[in-house]
C-alpha atoms as a PDB file:
ATOM      1  CA  MET A   1      49.995 -27.533 -21.648  1.00  0.00           C
ATOM      2  CA  PHE A   2      47.815 -26.847 -18.841  1.00  0.00           C
ATOM      3  CA  LYS A   3      47.927 -28.639 -15.923  1.00  0.00           C
ATOM      4  CA  LYS A   4      44.946 -27.071 -13.373  1.00  0.00           C
ATOM      5  CA  ILE A   5      41.660 -25.883 -14.827  1.00  0.00           C
ATOM      6  CA  MET A   6      39.391 -23.853 -12.762  1.00  0.00           C
ATOM      7  CA  VAL A   7      35.866 -24.145 -13.409  1.00  0.00           C
ATOM      8  CA  PRO A   8      33.445 -21.651 -11.595  1.00  0.00           C
ATOM      9  CA  VAL A   9      30.107 -23.488 -11.169  1.00  0.00           C
ATOM     10  CA  ASP A  10      26.458 -22.471  -9.650  1.00  0.00           C
ATOM     11  CA  LEU A  11      25.187 -25.219  -8.162  1.00  0.00           C
ATOM     12  CA  ALA A  12      21.752 -24.044  -8.193  1.00  0.00           C
ATOM     13  CA  HIS A  13      22.009 -23.639 -12.332  1.00  0.00           C
ATOM     14  CA  ALA A  14      24.433 -26.907 -13.215  1.00  0.00           C
ATOM     15  CA  ASP A  15      22.184 -27.546 -15.787  1.00  0.00           C
ATOM     16  CA  ARG A  16      22.991 -24.565 -17.649  1.00  0.00           C
ATOM     17  CA  LEU A  17      26.635 -25.301 -17.400  1.00  0.00           C
ATOM     18  CA  GLU A  18      26.706 -28.457 -19.937  1.00  0.00           C
ATOM     19  CA  LYS A  19      28.592 -26.945 -22.642  1.00  0.00           C
ATOM     20  CA  ALA A  20      31.208 -25.540 -20.402  1.00  0.00           C
ATOM     21  CA  LEU A  21      31.599 -28.574 -18.296  1.00  0.00           C
ATOM     22  CA  ALA A  22      32.166 -30.657 -21.145  1.00  0.00           C
ATOM     23  CA  CYS A  23      34.629 -28.081 -22.674  1.00  0.00           C
ATOM     24  CA  ALA A  24      36.291 -28.237 -19.492  1.00  0.00           C
ATOM     25  CA  GLY A  25      36.261 -32.007 -18.869  1.00  0.00           C
ATOM     26  CA  ALA A  26      37.497 -32.505 -22.725  1.00  0.00           C
ATOM     27  CA  LEU A  27      40.476 -30.295 -22.220  1.00  0.00           C
ATOM     28  CA  ALA A  28      41.500 -31.627 -19.236  1.00  0.00           C
ATOM     29  CA  SER A  29      41.518 -35.255 -20.513  1.00  0.00           C
ATOM     30  CA  GLN A  30      43.346 -33.975 -23.505  1.00  0.00           C
ATOM     31  CA  PHE A  31      45.957 -32.408 -21.334  1.00  0.00           C
ATOM     32  CA  GLY A  32      45.811 -34.607 -18.414  1.00  0.00           C
ATOM     33  CA  ALA A  33      44.741 -31.503 -16.229  1.00  0.00           C
ATOM     34  CA  GLU A  34      43.484 -31.571 -12.777  1.00  0.00           C
ATOM     35  CA  THR A  35      40.116 -29.758 -12.664  1.00  0.00           C
ATOM     36  CA  ILE A  36      38.962 -27.818  -9.977  1.00  0.00           C
ATOM     37  CA  TYR A  37      35.442 -26.858  -9.279  1.00  0.00           C
ATOM     38  CA  VAL A  38      34.894 -23.586  -7.517  1.00  0.00           C
ATOM     39  CA  GLY A  39      31.951 -22.716  -5.901  1.00  0.00           C
ATOM     40  CA  VAL A  40      30.872 -19.516  -4.077  1.00  0.00           C
ATOM     41  CA  SER A  41      28.084 -19.580  -1.634  1.00  0.00           C
ATOM     42  CA  ALA A  42      26.593 -16.995   1.181  1.00  0.00           C
ATOM     43  CA  ALA A  43      27.008 -17.987   4.799  1.00  0.00           C
ATOM     44  CA  ALA A  44      23.211 -17.862   5.073  1.00  0.00           C
ATOM     45  CA  PRO A  45      21.135 -20.372   3.998  1.00  0.00           C
ATOM     46  CA  SER A  46      20.067 -20.888   0.402  1.00  0.00           C
ATOM     47  CA  SER A  47      18.147 -23.235  -2.009  1.00  0.00           C
ATOM     48  CA  VAL A  48      21.120 -25.158  -2.465  1.00  0.00           C
ATOM     49  CA  ALA A  49      22.513 -25.618   1.055  1.00  0.00           C
ATOM     50  CA  HIS A  50      21.672 -24.613   4.542  1.00  0.00           C
ATOM     51  CA  THR A  51      25.322 -23.674   5.945  1.00  0.00           C
ATOM     52  CA  PRO A  52      28.558 -23.550   4.219  1.00  0.00           C
ATOM     53  CA  GLU A  53      29.555 -26.953   5.135  1.00  0.00           C
ATOM     54  CA  GLU A  54      27.139 -28.467   3.581  1.00  0.00           C
ATOM     55  CA  PHE A  55      27.351 -26.747   0.462  1.00  0.00           C
ATOM     56  CA  ALA A  56      31.298 -27.729   0.305  1.00  0.00           C
ATOM     57  CA  GLN A  57      29.874 -31.588   0.623  1.00  0.00           C
ATOM     58  CA  LYS A  58      27.455 -30.727  -2.540  1.00  0.00           C
ATOM     59  CA  LEU A  59      30.210 -29.253  -4.382  1.00  0.00           C
ATOM     60  CA  SER A  60      32.758 -32.193  -3.929  1.00  0.00           C
ATOM     61  CA  ALA A  61      29.931 -34.717  -4.580  1.00  0.00           C
ATOM     62  CA  PHE A  62      29.410 -32.971  -7.947  1.00  0.00           C
ATOM     63  CA  ALA A  63      33.276 -32.520  -8.690  1.00  0.00           C
ATOM     64  CA  LYS A  64      33.269 -36.616  -8.267  1.00  0.00           C
ATOM     65  CA  GLU A  65      30.155 -36.904 -10.650  1.00  0.00           C
ATOM     66  CA  GLN A  66      32.313 -35.101 -12.999  1.00  0.00           C
ATOM     67  CA  ALA A  67      35.197 -36.995 -12.763  1.00  0.00           C
ATOM     68  CA  GLN A  68      33.130 -40.078 -13.197  1.00  0.00           C
ATOM     69  CA  ARG A  69      31.364 -38.646 -16.031  1.00  0.00           C
ATOM     70  CA  HIS A  70      34.747 -37.059 -18.209  1.00  0.00           C
ATOM     71  CA  GLY A  71      37.253 -39.806 -17.023  1.00  0.00           C
ATOM     72  CA  ILE A  72      39.411 -37.014 -14.883  1.00  0.00           C
ATOM     73  CA  THR A  73      40.993 -35.923 -12.189  1.00  0.00           C
ATOM     74  CA  THR A  74      38.869 -33.427 -10.168  1.00  0.00           C
ATOM     75  CA  GLY A  75      38.885 -31.633  -6.903  1.00  0.00           C
ATOM     76  CA  ALA A  76      36.328 -28.980  -5.172  1.00  0.00           C
ATOM     77  CA  HIS A  77      36.993 -25.717  -3.892  1.00  0.00           C
ATOM     78  CA  ALA A  78      34.165 -23.921  -1.836  1.00  0.00           C
ATOM     79  CA  MET A  79      34.254 -20.300  -1.148  1.00  0.00           C
ATOM     80  CA  THR A  80      32.253 -18.122   1.058  1.00  0.00           C
ATOM     81  CA  SER A  81      30.753 -14.869   0.679  1.00  0.00           C
ATOM     82  CA  HIS A  82      28.866 -12.301   2.207  1.00  0.00           C
ATOM     83  CA  ASP A  83      26.917 -11.569  -1.062  1.00  0.00           C
ATOM     84  CA  PRO A  84      27.899 -13.573  -3.961  1.00  0.00           C
ATOM     85  CA  ALA A  85      25.977 -11.421  -6.377  1.00  0.00           C
ATOM     86  CA  THR A  86      28.282  -8.272  -5.886  1.00  0.00           C
ATOM     87  CA  ASP A  87      31.361 -10.243  -4.642  1.00  0.00           C
ATOM     88  CA  LEU A  88      31.528 -12.750  -7.386  1.00  0.00           C
ATOM     89  CA  ASP A  89      34.455 -11.588  -9.436  1.00  0.00           C
ATOM     90  CA  PRO A  90      36.896 -10.776  -6.739  1.00  0.00           C
ATOM     91  CA  THR A  91      36.138 -14.047  -4.988  1.00  0.00           C
ATOM     92  CA  LEU A  92      36.746 -15.757  -8.469  1.00  0.00           C
ATOM     93  CA  MET A  93      40.086 -13.641  -8.596  1.00  0.00           C
ATOM     94  CA  LYS A  94      41.156 -15.119  -5.093  1.00  0.00           C
ATOM     95  CA  ALA A  95      39.889 -18.645  -6.271  1.00  0.00           C
ATOM     96  CA  VAL A  96      42.517 -18.199  -9.454  1.00  0.00           C
ATOM     97  CA  ASP A  97      45.092 -17.872  -6.966  1.00  0.00           C
ATOM     98  CA  GLU A  98      44.234 -20.215  -4.174  1.00  0.00           C
ATOM     99  CA  THR A  99      43.936 -23.181  -7.038  1.00  0.00           C
ATOM    100  CA  GLY A 100      46.996 -22.353  -8.655  1.00  0.00           C
ATOM    101  CA  ALA A 101      44.800 -22.675 -12.109  1.00  0.00           C
ATOM    102  CA  ASP A 102      46.475 -21.948 -15.099  1.00  0.00           C
ATOM    103  CA  LEU A 103      43.252 -22.016 -17.237  1.00  0.00           C
ATOM    104  CA  VAL A 104      39.749 -21.272 -16.346  1.00  0.00           C
ATOM    105  CA  VAL A 105      36.761 -22.402 -17.987  1.00  0.00           C
ATOM    106  CA  MET A 106      33.677 -20.854 -17.418  1.00  0.00           C
ATOM    107  CA  ALA A 107      30.035 -20.475 -18.961  1.00  0.00           C
ATOM    108  CA  SER A 108      28.777 -17.228 -20.284  1.00  0.00           C
ATOM    109  CA  HIS A 109      25.344 -15.973 -21.165  1.00  0.00           C
ATOM    110  CA  VAL A 110      24.357 -14.360 -24.788  1.00  0.00           C
ATOM    111  CA  PRO A 111      25.426 -10.617 -23.837  1.00  0.00           C
ATOM    112  CA  ASN A 112      22.787  -8.105 -23.502  1.00  0.00           C
ATOM    113  CA  ILE A 113      22.547  -4.237 -23.186  1.00  0.00           C
ATOM    114  CA  ALA A 114      23.957  -4.702 -19.545  1.00  0.00           C
ATOM    115  CA  ASP A 115      27.017  -5.864 -20.647  1.00  0.00           C
ATOM    116  CA  TYR A 116      27.986  -2.299 -22.161  1.00  0.00           C
ATOM    117  CA  VAL A 117      27.282  -0.795 -18.755  1.00  0.00           C
ATOM    118  CA  TRP A 118      28.903  -3.676 -16.061  1.00  0.00           C
ATOM    119  CA  PRO A 119      31.667  -6.062 -17.520  1.00  0.00           C
ATOM    120  CA  SER A 120      30.392  -9.893 -17.361  1.00  0.00           C
ATOM    121  CA  ASN A 121      32.149 -12.403 -15.093  1.00  0.00           C
ATOM    122  CA  GLY A 122      34.056 -13.696 -17.786  1.00  0.00           C
ATOM    123  CA  GLY A 123      35.182 -10.498 -19.173  1.00  0.00           C
ATOM    124  CA  THR A 124      36.398  -9.252 -15.742  1.00  0.00           C
ATOM    125  CA  LEU A 125      38.232 -12.574 -14.813  1.00  0.00           C
ATOM    126  CA  ALA A 126      39.827 -12.494 -18.984  1.00  0.00           C
ATOM    127  CA  SER A 127      41.014  -9.104 -18.145  1.00  0.00           C
ATOM    128  CA  HIS A 128      42.469  -9.355 -14.571  1.00  0.00           C
ATOM    129  CA  ALA A 129      43.356 -12.892 -14.129  1.00  0.00           C
ATOM    130  CA  LYS A 130      46.813 -14.366 -14.215  1.00  0.00           C
ATOM    131  CA  ALA A 131      45.283 -17.548 -15.882  1.00  0.00           C
ATOM    132  CA  SER A 132      44.237 -18.022 -19.118  1.00  0.00           C
ATOM    133  CA  VAL A 133      40.010 -17.811 -19.791  1.00  0.00           C
ATOM    134  CA  LEU A 134      38.091 -19.564 -21.769  1.00  0.00           C
ATOM    135  CA  VAL A 135      34.602 -18.339 -21.720  1.00  0.00           C
ATOM    136  CA  VAL A 136      32.127 -20.850 -23.243  1.00  0.00           C
ATOM    137  CA  ARG A 137      28.920 -19.474 -24.380  1.00  0.00           C
ATOM    138  CA  ASP A 138      25.773 -21.736 -24.033  1.00  0.00           C
ATOM    139  CA  SER A 139      24.033 -20.923 -27.030  1.00  0.00           C
END
């Protein structure tokens, strides 16, 4: 059914993604799909990495860890953005095309009042991506 699953990850908050990561791992195992972990970083140093190259290495290590944990085939796709906070949606849309994903599995938060004014990242992807989108609520 699915051949390539894209999973957006925020390495600074990977501990909050367990439910979505488990879901993606189970789906990848069930369908024999490759799972691509996508991370978006600024070119400037951050708490996760000092350079985009270091960020890409950390994302690759994360993907390998997930492969071992879930017994699946994984890859990493690091992207650089001038301002990930404001460019995240278009950057993730671009990643869907670049990775050839036919399913996106991503974590979400419990909706709040701001979601009625500004759409969530998952909502934007679900509305505009060519791939199917599964938004996994963490609680």
